[in-house]
Amino acid sequence: MSNPAGTWNLTVSTPFGPQELQLEIVVDGDEVHGTATHSSGSMPFEGGTYENDEVTFEVSLTAPVTADLKVKLKADGDELTGSAKAGLLSFTADGTRA
């Protein structure tokens, strides 16, 4: 297990196809903030939490659709796995350290 702080290349599997993001996670104690960068732009997030190598946070998307995405990710070495949820829809997410 490992701390998820750092830069990650993340893929979220959605009905619109795989969405590639670069995710910058900053862990400060048990609080999390950072930036998710997509081809459509950068989306900052804050107010997330960190516990047991797992981060949870919300990020507001503007593309490919407008939605508030609830993200839960767990780091294991240089791999990141988890889920992203928008409303009733849930997607898998996985990535590697950049």
PDB file of N, CA and C in Angstrom:
ATOM      1  N   MET A   1       0.832  -1.179   0.000  1.00  0.00           N
ATOM      2  CA  MET A   1       0.000   0.000   0.000  1.00  0.00           C
ATOM      3  C   MET A   1       0.879   1.246   0.000  1.00  0.00           C
ATOM      4  N   SER A   2       0.307   2.346  -0.496  1.00  0.00           N
ATOM      5  CA  SER A   2       1.084   3.573  -0.526  1.00  0.00           C
ATOM      6  C   SER A   2       0.190   4.798  -0.516  1.00  0.00           C
ATOM      7  N   ASN A   3       0.781   5.899  -0.164  1.00  0.00           N
ATOM      8  CA  ASN A   3       0.093   7.175  -0.153  1.00  0.00           C
ATOM      9  C   ASN A   3      -0.220   7.579  -1.596  1.00  0.00           C
ATOM     10  N   PRO A   4      -1.447   8.008  -1.889  1.00  0.00           N
ATOM     11  CA  PRO A   4      -1.824   8.367  -3.263  1.00  0.00           C
ATOM     12  C   PRO A   4      -1.408   9.764  -3.706  1.00  0.00           C
ATOM     13  N   ALA A   5      -0.649  10.468  -2.888  1.00  0.00           N
ATOM     14  CA  ALA A   5      -0.206  11.809  -3.292  1.00  0.00           C
ATOM     15  C   ALA A   5       0.693  11.708  -4.510  1.00  0.00           C
ATOM     16  N   GLY A   6       0.529  12.654  -5.436  1.00  0.00           N
ATOM     17  CA  GLY A   6       1.374  12.698  -6.616  1.00  0.00           C
ATOM     18  C   GLY A   6       0.572  12.865  -7.892  1.00  0.00           C
ATOM     19  N   THR A   7       1.229  12.616  -9.002  1.00  0.00           N
ATOM     20  CA  THR A   7       0.616  12.771 -10.320  1.00  0.00           C
ATOM     21  C   THR A   7       0.319  11.394 -10.898  1.00  0.00           C
ATOM     22  N   TRP A   8      -0.883  11.242 -11.431  1.00  0.00           N
ATOM     23  CA  TRP A   8      -1.363   9.965 -11.944  1.00  0.00           C
ATOM     24  C   TRP A   8      -1.950  10.134 -13.333  1.00  0.00           C
ATOM     25  N   ASN A   9      -1.777   9.125 -14.167  1.00  0.00           N
ATOM     26  CA  ASN A   9      -2.490   9.019 -15.441  1.00  0.00           C
ATOM     27  C   ASN A   9      -3.658   8.088 -15.170  1.00  0.00           C
ATOM     28  N   LEU A  10      -4.864   8.626 -15.240  1.00  0.00           N
ATOM     29  CA  LEU A  10      -6.065   7.909 -14.840  1.00  0.00           C
ATOM     30  C   LEU A  10      -6.990   7.710 -16.030  1.00  0.00           C
ATOM     31  N   THR A  11      -7.577   6.525 -16.129  1.00  0.00           N
ATOM     32  CA  THR A  11      -8.583   6.234 -17.146  1.00  0.00           C
ATOM     33  C   THR A  11      -9.892   5.901 -16.444  1.00  0.00           C
ATOM     34  N   VAL A  12     -10.957   6.621 -16.804  1.00  0.00           N
ATOM     35  CA  VAL A  12     -12.290   6.353 -16.276  1.00  0.00           C
ATOM     36  C   VAL A  12     -13.111   5.767 -17.427  1.00  0.00           C
ATOM     37  N   SER A  13     -13.658   4.563 -17.208  1.00  0.00           N
ATOM     38  CA  SER A  13     -14.470   3.899 -18.237  1.00  0.00           C
ATOM     39  C   SER A  13     -15.894   4.423 -18.156  1.00  0.00           C
ATOM     40  N   THR A  14     -16.354   5.095 -19.222  1.00  0.00           N
ATOM     41  CA  THR A  14     -17.685   5.713 -19.241  1.00  0.00           C
ATOM     42  C   THR A  14     -18.451   5.265 -20.482  1.00  0.00           C
ATOM     43  N   PRO A  15     -19.751   5.549 -20.531  1.00  0.00           N
ATOM     44  CA  PRO A  15     -20.526   5.249 -21.736  1.00  0.00           C
ATOM     45  C   PRO A  15     -20.053   6.057 -22.950  1.00  0.00           C
ATOM     46  N   PHE A  16     -19.292   7.125 -22.714  1.00  0.00           N
ATOM     47  CA  PHE A  16     -18.746   7.952 -23.793  1.00  0.00           C
ATOM     48  C   PHE A  16     -17.378   7.447 -24.233  1.00  0.00           C
ATOM     49  N   GLY A  17     -17.000   6.279 -23.741  1.00  0.00           N
ATOM     50  CA  GLY A  17     -15.687   5.721 -24.016  1.00  0.00           C
ATOM     51  C   GLY A  17     -14.745   6.049 -22.877  1.00  0.00           C
ATOM     52  N   PRO A  18     -13.534   5.498 -22.915  1.00  0.00           N
ATOM     53  CA  PRO A  18     -12.572   5.772 -21.855  1.00  0.00           C
ATOM     54  C   PRO A  18     -12.183   7.247 -21.841  1.00  0.00           C
ATOM     55  N   GLN A  19     -12.199   7.831 -20.656  1.00  0.00           N
ATOM     56  CA  GLN A  19     -11.821   9.230 -20.499  1.00  0.00           C
ATOM     57  C   GLN A  19     -10.459   9.276 -19.805  1.00  0.00           C
ATOM     58  N   GLU A  20      -9.482   9.867 -20.478  1.00  0.00           N
ATOM     59  CA  GLU A  20      -8.119   9.954 -19.962  1.00  0.00           C
ATOM     60  C   GLU A  20      -7.946  11.264 -19.200  1.00  0.00           C
ATOM     61  N   LEU A  21      -7.417  11.168 -17.999  1.00  0.00           N
ATOM     62  CA  LEU A  21      -7.181  12.331 -17.154  1.00  0.00           C
ATOM     63  C   LEU A  21      -5.775  12.278 -16.589  1.00  0.00           C
ATOM     64  N   GLN A  22      -5.212  13.427 -16.332  1.00  0.00           N
ATOM     65  CA  GLN A  22      -4.026  13.474 -15.496  1.00  0.00           C
ATOM     66  C   GLN A  22      -4.514  14.033 -14.166  1.00  0.00           C
ATOM     67  N   LEU A  23      -4.222  13.323 -13.115  1.00  0.00           N
ATOM     68  CA  LEU A  23      -4.727  13.664 -11.801  1.00  0.00           C
ATOM     69  C   LEU A  23      -3.571  14.024 -10.882  1.00  0.00           C
ATOM     70  N   GLU A  24      -3.625  15.221 -10.339  1.00  0.00           N
ATOM     71  CA  GLU A  24      -2.630  15.670  -9.365  1.00  0.00           C
ATOM     72  C   GLU A  24      -3.307  15.647  -8.001  1.00  0.00           C
ATOM     73  N   ILE A  25      -2.838  14.755  -7.117  1.00  0.00           N
ATOM     74  CA  ILE A  25      -3.428  14.604  -5.792  1.00  0.00           C
ATOM     75  C   ILE A  25      -2.453  15.142  -4.747  1.00  0.00           C
ATOM     76  N   VAL A  26      -2.958  16.044  -3.902  1.00  0.00           N
ATOM     77  CA  VAL A  26      -2.180  16.565  -2.790  1.00  0.00           C
ATOM     78  C   VAL A  26      -2.853  16.095  -1.503  1.00  0.00           C
ATOM     79  N   VAL A  27      -2.099  15.381  -0.671  1.00  0.00           N
ATOM     80  CA  VAL A  27      -2.600  14.902   0.610  1.00  0.00           C
ATOM     81  C   VAL A  27      -1.957  15.730   1.708  1.00  0.00           C
ATOM     82  N   ASP A  28      -2.791  16.338   2.549  1.00  0.00           N
ATOM     83  CA  ASP A  28      -2.318  17.153   3.665  1.00  0.00           C
ATOM     84  C   ASP A  28      -3.009  16.624   4.923  1.00  0.00           C
ATOM     85  N   GLY A  29      -2.337  15.713   5.636  1.00  0.00           N
ATOM     86  CA  GLY A  29      -2.962  15.060   6.783  1.00  0.00           C
ATOM     87  C   GLY A  29      -4.052  14.132   6.287  1.00  0.00           C
ATOM     88  N   ASP A  30      -5.296  14.394   6.684  1.00  0.00           N
ATOM     89  CA  ASP A  30      -6.413  13.588   6.190  1.00  0.00           C
ATOM     90  C   ASP A  30      -7.260  14.345   5.162  1.00  0.00           C
ATOM     91  N   GLU A  31      -6.734  15.478   4.664  1.00  0.00           N
ATOM     92  CA  GLU A  31      -7.440  16.276   3.665  1.00  0.00           C
ATOM     93  C   GLU A  31      -6.777  16.133   2.296  1.00  0.00           C
ATOM     94  N   VAL A  32      -7.600  16.241   1.254  1.00  0.00           N
ATOM     95  CA  VAL A  32      -7.129  16.052  -0.122  1.00  0.00           C
ATOM     96  C   VAL A  32      -7.625  17.197  -0.997  1.00  0.00           C
ATOM     97  N   HIS A  33      -6.739  17.672  -1.887  1.00  0.00           N
ATOM     98  CA  HIS A  33      -7.136  18.608  -2.933  1.00  0.00           C
ATOM     99  C   HIS A  33      -6.229  18.346  -4.129  1.00  0.00           C
ATOM    100  N   GLY A  34      -6.522  18.993  -5.223  1.00  0.00           N
ATOM    101  CA  GLY A  34      -5.693  18.794  -6.402  1.00  0.00           C
ATOM    102  C   GLY A  34      -6.371  19.277  -7.663  1.00  0.00           C
ATOM    103  N   THR A  35      -5.955  18.688  -8.790  1.00  0.00           N
ATOM    104  CA  THR A  35      -6.467  19.086 -10.101  1.00  0.00           C
ATOM    105  C   THR A  35      -6.608  17.856 -10.985  1.00  0.00           C
ATOM    106  N   ALA A  36      -7.721  17.782 -11.686  1.00  0.00           N
ATOM    107  CA  ALA A  36      -7.929  16.763 -12.718  1.00  0.00           C
ATOM    108  C   ALA A  36      -7.859  17.484 -14.053  1.00  0.00           C
ATOM    109  N   THR A  37      -6.969  17.039 -14.931  1.00  0.00           N
ATOM    110  CA  THR A  37      -6.814  17.676 -16.237  1.00  0.00           C
ATOM    111  C   THR A  37      -7.255  16.710 -17.325  1.00  0.00           C
ATOM    112  N   HIS A  38      -8.179  17.175 -18.141  1.00  0.00           N
ATOM    113  CA  HIS A  38      -8.762  16.420 -19.251  1.00  0.00           C
ATOM    114  C   HIS A  38      -8.461  17.216 -20.515  1.00  0.00           C
ATOM    115  N   SER A  39      -8.640  16.616 -21.657  1.00  0.00           N
ATOM    116  CA  SER A  39      -8.391  17.346 -22.907  1.00  0.00           C
ATOM    117  C   SER A  39      -9.247  18.612 -23.009  1.00  0.00           C
ATOM    118  N   SER A  40     -10.352  18.657 -22.243  1.00  0.00           N
ATOM    119  CA  SER A  40     -11.233  19.831 -22.275  1.00  0.00           C
ATOM    120  C   SER A  40     -10.812  20.916 -21.297  1.00  0.00           C
ATOM    121  N   GLY A  41      -9.820  20.640 -20.429  1.00  0.00           N
ATOM    122  CA  GLY A  41      -9.357  21.652 -19.490  1.00  0.00           C
ATOM    123  C   GLY A  41      -9.049  21.083 -18.118  1.00  0.00           C
ATOM    124  N   SER A  42      -8.699  21.987 -17.206  1.00  0.00           N
ATOM    125  CA  SER A  42      -8.356  21.592 -15.843  1.00  0.00           C
ATOM    126  C   SER A  42      -9.515  21.859 -14.893  1.00  0.00           C
ATOM    127  N   MET A  43      -9.714  20.929 -13.977  1.00  0.00           N
ATOM    128  CA  MET A  43     -10.793  21.032 -13.006  1.00  0.00           C
ATOM    129  C   MET A  43     -10.224  20.842 -11.605  1.00  0.00           C
ATOM    130  N   PRO A  44     -10.078  21.917 -10.828  1.00  0.00           N
ATOM    131  CA  PRO A  44      -9.562  21.784  -9.470  1.00  0.00           C
ATOM    132  C   PRO A  44     -10.600  21.138  -8.553  1.00  0.00           C
ATOM    133  N   PHE A  45     -10.114  20.495  -7.509  1.00  0.00           N
ATOM    134  CA  PHE A  45     -11.013  19.958  -6.494  1.00  0.00           C
ATOM    135  C   PHE A  45     -10.397  20.178  -5.120  1.00  0.00           C
ATOM    136  N   GLU A  46     -11.243  20.237  -4.115  1.00  0.00           N
ATOM    137  CA  GLU A  46     -10.793  20.376  -2.733  1.00  0.00           C
ATOM    138  C   GLU A  46     -11.853  19.774  -1.832  1.00  0.00           C
ATOM    139  N   GLY A  47     -11.545  19.671  -0.558  1.00  0.00           N
ATOM    140  CA  GLY A  47     -12.520  19.131   0.387  1.00  0.00           C
ATOM    141  C   GLY A  47     -12.583  17.619   0.400  1.00  0.00           C
ATOM    142  N   GLY A  48     -11.605  16.970  -0.217  1.00  0.00           N
ATOM    143  CA  GLY A  48     -11.581  15.511  -0.207  1.00  0.00           C
ATOM    144  C   GLY A  48     -10.987  14.978   1.080  1.00  0.00           C
ATOM    145  N   THR A  49     -11.049  13.663   1.246  1.00  0.00           N
ATOM    146  CA  THR A  49     -10.515  13.032   2.438  1.00  0.00           C
ATOM    147  C   THR A  49      -9.530  11.930   2.075  1.00  0.00           C
ATOM    148  N   TYR A  50      -8.649  11.628   3.028  1.00  0.00           N
ATOM    149  CA  TYR A  50      -7.644  10.577   2.873  1.00  0.00           C
ATOM    150  C   TYR A  50      -7.667   9.686   4.106  1.00  0.00           C
ATOM    151  N   GLU A  51      -7.718   8.361   3.876  1.00  0.00           N
ATOM    152  CA  GLU A  51      -7.647   7.400   4.969  1.00  0.00           C
ATOM    153  C   GLU A  51      -7.242   6.044   4.409  1.00  0.00           C
ATOM    154  N   ASN A  52      -6.264   5.406   5.018  1.00  0.00           N
ATOM    155  CA  ASN A  52      -5.821   4.054   4.640  1.00  0.00           C
ATOM    156  C   ASN A  52      -5.494   3.933   3.153  1.00  0.00           C
ATOM    157  N   ASP A  53      -4.680   4.821   2.637  1.00  0.00           N
ATOM    158  CA  ASP A  53      -4.246   4.823   1.234  1.00  0.00           C
ATOM    159  C   ASP A  53      -5.384   5.090   0.253  1.00  0.00           C
ATOM    160  N   GLU A  54      -6.524   5.568   0.737  1.00  0.00           N
ATOM    161  CA  GLU A  54      -7.688   5.821  -0.120  1.00  0.00           C
ATOM    162  C   GLU A  54      -8.071   7.291  -0.057  1.00  0.00           C
ATOM    163  N   VAL A  55      -8.367   7.859  -1.226  1.00  0.00           N
ATOM    164  CA  VAL A  55      -8.846   9.238  -1.299  1.00  0.00           C
ATOM    165  C   VAL A  55     -10.265   9.251  -1.845  1.00  0.00           C
ATOM    166  N   THR A  56     -11.052  10.171  -1.339  1.00  0.00           N
ATOM    167  CA  THR A  56     -12.379  10.431  -1.885  1.00  0.00           C
ATOM    168  C   THR A  56     -12.494  11.937  -2.085  1.00  0.00           C
ATOM    169  N   PHE A  57     -13.074  12.321  -3.226  1.00  0.00           N
ATOM    170  CA  PHE A  57     -13.256  13.738  -3.522  1.00  0.00           C
ATOM    171  C   PHE A  57     -14.309  13.887  -4.601  1.00  0.00           C
ATOM    172  N   GLU A  58     -14.773  15.115  -4.796  1.00  0.00           N
ATOM    173  CA  GLU A  58     -15.714  15.439  -5.866  1.00  0.00           C
ATOM    174  C   GLU A  58     -15.060  16.434  -6.806  1.00  0.00           C
ATOM    175  N   VAL A  59     -15.305  16.233  -8.094  1.00  0.00           N
ATOM    176  CA  VAL A  59     -14.799  17.158  -9.096  1.00  0.00           C
ATOM    177  C   VAL A  59     -15.952  17.468 -10.057  1.00  0.00           C
ATOM    178  N   SER A  60     -16.078  18.721 -10.455  1.00  0.00           N
ATOM    179  CA  SER A  60     -17.133  19.137 -11.384  1.00  0.00           C
ATOM    180  C   SER A  60     -16.607  19.063 -12.808  1.00  0.00           C
ATOM    181  N   LEU A  61     -17.227  18.221 -13.611  1.00  0.00           N
ATOM    182  CA  LEU A  61     -16.830  18.054 -15.009  1.00  0.00           C
ATOM    183  C   LEU A  61     -17.584  19.026 -15.901  1.00  0.00           C
ATOM    184  N   THR A  62     -16.944  19.395 -16.995  1.00  0.00           N
ATOM    185  CA  THR A  62     -17.602  20.217 -18.008  1.00  0.00           C
ATOM    186  C   THR A  62     -17.635  19.499 -19.352  1.00  0.00           C
ATOM    187  N   ALA A  63     -16.887  18.396 -19.487  1.00  0.00           N
ATOM    188  CA  ALA A  63     -16.871  17.620 -20.731  1.00  0.00           C
ATOM    189  C   ALA A  63     -16.513  16.177 -20.404  1.00  0.00           C
ATOM    190  N   PRO A  64     -16.980  15.191 -21.072  1.00  0.00           N
ATOM    191  CA  PRO A  64     -17.836  15.282 -22.251  1.00  0.00           C
ATOM    192  C   PRO A  64     -19.265  15.706 -21.929  1.00  0.00           C
ATOM    193  N   VAL A  65     -19.621  15.688 -20.611  1.00  0.00           N
ATOM    194  CA  VAL A  65     -20.908  16.212 -20.160  1.00  0.00           C
ATOM    195  C   VAL A  65     -20.658  17.015 -18.894  1.00  0.00           C
ATOM    196  N   THR A  66     -21.631  17.826 -18.505  1.00  0.00           N
ATOM    197  CA  THR A  66     -21.535  18.549 -17.248  1.00  0.00           C
ATOM    198  C   THR A  66     -22.073  17.653 -16.144  1.00  0.00           C
ATOM    199  N   ALA A  67     -21.245  17.381 -15.140  1.00  0.00           N
ATOM    200  CA  ALA A  67     -21.657  16.508 -14.044  1.00  0.00           C
ATOM    201  C   ALA A  67     -20.727  16.674 -12.860  1.00  0.00           C
ATOM    202  N   ASP A  68     -21.261  16.403 -11.681  1.00  0.00           N
ATOM    203  CA  ASP A  68     -20.443  16.341 -10.478  1.00  0.00           C
ATOM    204  C   ASP A  68     -20.063  14.886 -10.282  1.00  0.00           C
ATOM    205  N   LEU A  69     -18.791  14.619 -10.273  1.00  0.00           N
ATOM    206  CA  LEU A  69     -18.268  13.261 -10.211  1.00  0.00           C
ATOM    207  C   LEU A  69     -17.718  13.001  -8.816  1.00  0.00           C
ATOM    208  N   LYS A  70     -18.229  11.962  -8.153  1.00  0.00           N
ATOM    209  CA  LYS A  70     -17.730  11.540  -6.848  1.00  0.00           C
ATOM    210  C   LYS A  70     -16.722  10.432  -7.097  1.00  0.00           C
ATOM    211  N   VAL A  71     -15.497  10.626  -6.625  1.00  0.00           N
ATOM    212  CA  VAL A  71     -14.395   9.728  -6.934  1.00  0.00           C
ATOM    213  C   VAL A  71     -13.866   9.085  -5.654  1.00  0.00           C
ATOM    214  N   LYS A  72     -13.599   7.775  -5.729  1.00  0.00           N
ATOM    215  CA  LYS A  72     -12.981   7.039  -4.632  1.00  0.00           C
ATOM    216  C   LYS A  72     -11.872   6.198  -5.240  1.00  0.00           C
ATOM    217  N   LEU A  73     -10.625   6.437  -4.814  1.00  0.00           N
ATOM    218  CA  LEU A  73      -9.463   5.766  -5.386  1.00  0.00           C
ATOM    219  C   LEU A  73      -8.546   5.259  -4.284  1.00  0.00           C
ATOM    220  N   LYS A  74      -7.931   4.108  -4.539  1.00  0.00           N
ATOM    221  CA  LYS A  74      -6.981   3.530  -3.581  1.00  0.00           C
ATOM    222  C   LYS A  74      -5.660   3.264  -4.284  1.00  0.00           C
ATOM    223  N   ALA A  75      -4.574   3.689  -3.649  1.00  0.00           N
ATOM    224  CA  ALA A  75      -3.240   3.494  -4.200  1.00  0.00           C
ATOM    225  C   ALA A  75      -2.644   2.194  -3.681  1.00  0.00           C
ATOM    226  N   ASP A  76      -1.950   1.500  -4.570  1.00  0.00           N
ATOM    227  CA  ASP A  76      -1.182   0.314  -4.216  1.00  0.00           C
ATOM    228  C   ASP A  76       0.114   0.396  -5.011  1.00  0.00           C
ATOM    229  N   GLY A  77       1.160   0.915  -4.378  1.00  0.00           N
ATOM    230  CA  GLY A  77       2.414   1.137  -5.093  1.00  0.00           C
ATOM    231  C   GLY A  77       2.228   2.195  -6.160  1.00  0.00           C
ATOM    232  N   ASP A  78       2.509   1.839  -7.406  1.00  0.00           N
ATOM    233  CA  ASP A  78       2.371   2.771  -8.516  1.00  0.00           C
ATOM    234  C   ASP A  78       1.085   2.571  -9.298  1.00  0.00           C
ATOM    235  N   GLU A  79       0.098   1.896  -8.690  1.00  0.00           N
ATOM    236  CA  GLU A  79      -1.198   1.686  -9.329  1.00  0.00           C
ATOM    237  C   GLU A  79      -2.302   2.292  -8.491  1.00  0.00           C
ATOM    238  N   LEU A  80      -3.329   2.764  -9.174  1.00  0.00           N
ATOM    239  CA  LEU A  80      -4.468   3.415  -8.547  1.00  0.00           C
ATOM    240  C   LEU A  80      -5.721   2.760  -9.102  1.00  0.00           C
ATOM    241  N   THR A  81      -6.630   2.323  -8.242  1.00  0.00           N
ATOM    242  CA  THR A  81      -7.877   1.716  -8.699  1.00  0.00           C
ATOM    243  C   THR A  81      -9.035   2.294  -7.895  1.00  0.00           C
ATOM    244  N   GLY A  82     -10.214   2.239  -8.481  1.00  0.00           N
ATOM    245  CA  GLY A  82     -11.376   2.715  -7.751  1.00  0.00           C
ATOM    246  C   GLY A  82     -12.568   2.933  -8.641  1.00  0.00           C
ATOM    247  N   SER A  83     -13.373   3.911  -8.240  1.00  0.00           N
ATOM    248  CA  SER A  83     -14.613   4.168  -8.960  1.00  0.00           C
ATOM    249  C   SER A  83     -14.908   5.658  -9.003  1.00  0.00           C
ATOM    250  N   ALA A  84     -15.754   6.002  -9.952  1.00  0.00           N
ATOM    251  CA  ALA A  84     -16.252   7.364 -10.084  1.00  0.00           C
ATOM    252  C   ALA A  84     -17.755   7.252 -10.283  1.00  0.00           C
ATOM    253  N   LYS A  85     -18.506   8.132  -9.645  1.00  0.00           N
ATOM    254  CA  LYS A  85     -19.953   8.056  -9.699  1.00  0.00           C
ATOM    255  C   LYS A  85     -20.540   9.414 -10.048  1.00  0.00           C
ATOM    256  N   ALA A  86     -21.461   9.417 -11.003  1.00  0.00           N
ATOM    257  CA  ALA A  86     -22.190  10.620 -11.384  1.00  0.00           C
ATOM    258  C   ALA A  86     -23.677  10.287 -11.313  1.00  0.00           C
ATOM    259  N   GLY A  87     -24.357  10.829 -10.324  1.00  0.00           N
ATOM    260  CA  GLY A  87     -25.760  10.477 -10.146  1.00  0.00           C
ATOM    261  C   GLY A  87     -25.895   8.993  -9.847  1.00  0.00           C
ATOM    262  N   LEU A  88     -26.720   8.296 -10.638  1.00  0.00           N
ATOM    263  CA  LEU A  88     -26.913   6.858 -10.449  1.00  0.00           C
ATOM    264  C   LEU A  88     -25.913   6.024 -11.224  1.00  0.00           C
ATOM    265  N   LEU A  89     -25.100   6.654 -12.073  1.00  0.00           N
ATOM    266  CA  LEU A  89     -24.138   5.939 -12.885  1.00  0.00           C
ATOM    267  C   LEU A  89     -22.809   5.776 -12.143  1.00  0.00           C
ATOM    268  N   SER A  90     -22.241   4.568 -12.235  1.00  0.00           N
ATOM    269  CA  SER A  90     -20.957   4.303 -11.605  1.00  0.00           C
ATOM    270  C   SER A  90     -19.991   3.757 -12.638  1.00  0.00           C
ATOM    271  N   PHE A  91     -18.739   4.205 -12.576  1.00  0.00           N
ATOM    272  CA  PHE A  91     -17.721   3.834 -13.554  1.00  0.00           C
ATOM    273  C   PHE A  91     -16.484   3.310 -12.828  1.00  0.00           C
ATOM    274  N   THR A  92     -15.728   2.450 -13.471  1.00  0.00           N
ATOM    275  CA  THR A  92     -14.459   2.020 -12.915  1.00  0.00           C
ATOM    276  C   THR A  92     -13.378   3.006 -13.313  1.00  0.00           C
ATOM    277  N   ALA A  93     -12.350   3.075 -12.488  1.00  0.00           N
ATOM    278  CA  ALA A  93     -11.230   3.968 -12.758  1.00  0.00           C
ATOM    279  C   ALA A  93      -9.956   3.255 -12.368  1.00  0.00           C
ATOM    280  N   ASP A  94      -8.920   3.425 -13.187  1.00  0.00           N
ATOM    281  CA  ASP A  94      -7.618   2.861 -12.841  1.00  0.00           C
ATOM    282  C   ASP A  94      -6.530   3.724 -13.462  1.00  0.00           C
ATOM    283  N   GLY A  95      -5.363   3.662 -12.845  1.00  0.00           N
ATOM    284  CA  GLY A  95      -4.278   4.483 -13.361  1.00  0.00           C
ATOM    285  C   GLY A  95      -2.929   4.057 -12.831  1.00  0.00           C
ATOM    286  N   THR A  96      -1.916   4.763 -13.312  1.00  0.00           N
ATOM    287  CA  THR A  96      -0.536   4.537 -12.902  1.00  0.00           C
ATOM    288  C   THR A  96       0.119   5.882 -12.610  1.00  0.00           C
ATOM    289  N   ARG A  97       1.159   5.837 -11.788  1.00  0.00           N
ATOM    290  CA  ARG A  97       1.887   7.077 -11.491  1.00  0.00           C
ATOM    291  C   ARG A  97       2.521   7.616 -12.778  1.00  0.00           C
ATOM    292  N   ALA A  98       2.464   8.930 -12.910  1.00  0.00           N
ATOM    293  CA  ALA A  98       3.024   9.574 -14.096  1.00  0.00           C
ATOM    294  C   ALA A  98       4.521   9.709 -13.953  1.00  0.00           C
TER     295      ALA A  98
END
